[in-house]
Protein backbone atom coordinates (compact mmCIF):
# COMPACT_ATOMS: atom_id res chain seq x y z
CA UNK A 1 37.54 9.72 -38.04
CA UNK A 2 40.44 7.33 -38.53
CA UNK A 3 43.20 7.53 -35.99
CA UNK A 4 46.80 8.15 -37.01
CA UNK A 5 47.54 4.46 -36.45
CA UNK A 6 44.62 3.37 -38.65
CA UNK A 7 45.66 5.50 -41.63
CA UNK A 8 47.25 3.55 -44.47
CA UNK A 9 50.57 4.87 -45.77
CA UNK A 10 49.12 5.33 -49.26
CA UNK A 11 46.67 8.24 -49.76
CA UNK A 12 44.73 6.26 -52.38
CA UNK A 13 44.33 3.42 -49.87
CA UNK A 14 43.02 5.95 -47.34
CA UNK A 15 40.34 7.12 -49.78
CA UNK A 16 39.41 3.55 -50.70
CA UNK A 17 39.17 2.63 -47.02
CA UNK A 18 36.77 5.52 -46.38
CA UNK A 19 34.49 5.27 -49.44
CA UNK A 20 35.59 2.12 -51.23
CA UNK A 21 32.47 0.01 -51.12
CA UNK A 22 29.60 0.31 -53.54
CA UNK A 23 27.09 1.21 -50.85
CA UNK A 24 29.05 4.17 -49.53
CA UNK A 25 29.56 5.47 -53.06
CA UNK A 26 25.83 5.24 -53.79
CA UNK A 27 25.00 6.96 -50.50
CA UNK A 28 27.43 9.76 -51.34
CA UNK A 29 26.01 9.99 -54.87
CA UNK A 30 22.59 10.67 -53.37
CA UNK A 31 23.88 13.13 -50.79
CA UNK A 32 25.66 15.17 -53.47
CA UNK A 33 22.22 16.26 -54.65
CA UNK A 34 20.56 17.08 -51.32
CA UNK A 35 19.94 15.86 -47.76
CA UNK A 36 18.07 12.56 -47.53
CA UNK A 37 15.92 10.85 -44.93
CA UNK A 38 16.71 7.24 -44.07
CA UNK A 39 13.66 5.56 -45.64
CA UNK A 40 13.85 7.51 -48.89
CA UNK A 41 17.53 6.61 -49.20
CA UNK A 42 16.70 2.96 -48.48
CA UNK A 43 14.14 3.00 -51.33
CA UNK A 44 16.52 4.77 -53.72
CA UNK A 45 19.36 2.23 -53.49
CA UNK A 46 18.25 -1.11 -54.96
CA UNK A 47 19.56 -4.16 -53.12
CA UNK A 48 20.70 -2.45 -49.93
CA UNK A 49 19.27 -3.77 -46.67
CA UNK A 50 18.24 -1.62 -43.74
CA UNK A 51 21.12 -3.00 -41.65
CA UNK A 52 23.73 -2.37 -44.35
CA UNK A 53 22.45 1.18 -44.90
CA UNK A 54 22.52 1.84 -41.16
CA UNK A 55 26.05 0.45 -40.81
CA UNK A 56 27.36 2.48 -43.74
CA UNK A 57 25.69 5.71 -42.58
CA UNK A 58 27.18 5.23 -39.12
CA UNK A 59 30.64 4.62 -40.58
CA UNK A 60 30.42 7.69 -42.83
CA UNK A 61 29.27 9.77 -39.86
CA UNK A 62 32.07 8.42 -37.63
CA UNK A 63 34.60 9.30 -40.35
CA UNK A 64 33.26 12.86 -40.51
CA UNK A 65 32.00 12.54 -44.09
CA UNK A 66 28.29 13.03 -43.37
CA UNK A 67 26.13 14.79 -40.78
CA UNK A 68 23.13 13.24 -39.10
CA UNK A 69 20.56 15.82 -38.04
CA UNK A 70 17.75 14.83 -35.68
CA UNK A 71 14.83 17.26 -35.63
CA UNK A 72 12.92 17.53 -32.34
CA UNK A 73 9.55 16.53 -33.76
CA UNK A 74 7.02 13.81 -33.09
CA UNK A 75 7.72 11.43 -34.70
CA UNK A 76 11.43 12.29 -34.84
CA UNK A 77 12.78 13.24 -38.26
CA UNK A 78 16.38 12.41 -39.17
CA UNK A 79 18.21 13.74 -42.22
CA UNK A 80 21.62 12.88 -43.57
CA UNK A 81 23.75 15.39 -45.45
CA UNK A 82 27.34 15.81 -46.53
CA UNK A 83 29.72 17.46 -44.11
CA UNK A 84 32.25 19.97 -45.42
CA UNK A 85 34.75 17.09 -45.61
CA UNK A 86 32.22 14.95 -47.48
CA UNK A 87 31.45 17.75 -49.90
CA UNK A 88 35.16 17.98 -50.69
CA UNK A 89 34.77 14.52 -52.29
CA UNK A 90 32.43 15.97 -54.92
CA UNK A 91 35.15 16.16 -57.63
CA UNK A 92 36.15 12.53 -56.99
CA UNK A 93 32.61 11.24 -57.37
CA UNK A 94 31.89 13.49 -60.36
CA UNK A 95 35.06 12.17 -62.04
CA UNK A 96 33.88 8.60 -61.38
CA UNK A 97 30.48 9.47 -62.87
CA UNK A 98 32.08 10.98 -66.00
CA UNK A 99 34.36 7.96 -66.44
CA UNK A 100 31.41 5.59 -66.01
CA UNK A 101 29.41 7.49 -68.63
CA UNK A 102 32.30 7.29 -71.11
CA UNK A 103 32.68 3.57 -70.44
CA UNK A 104 28.96 2.95 -70.91
CA UNK A 105 29.04 4.85 -74.19
CA UNK A 106 32.02 2.85 -75.45
CA UNK A 107 30.30 -0.42 -74.44
CA UNK A 108 27.13 0.55 -76.32
CA UNK A 109 29.12 1.40 -79.45
CA UNK A 110 31.10 -1.88 -79.38
């Protein structure tokens, strides 16, 4: 989670800092539906590398937006899911989805 000193003055800037890259938004899009395992998420996001996915998952976890659950199995199974804080972003991402759909429709009609 960001420290008090790391928080921007602007609330919009805070949100952008936490989820403002395309990879984090696509990760959150997936996690809105259900928990995901690493490899299935890697396959579901075209163009993302293993390192970039790992880095973004770690950042989202450190910021308290997602949970990482390790199951004591052999081989170990790890699942990522939204935390309560992450789930509170659902309306933001749904609004972005609705806006994107309207834009796509307008572009097709032009």
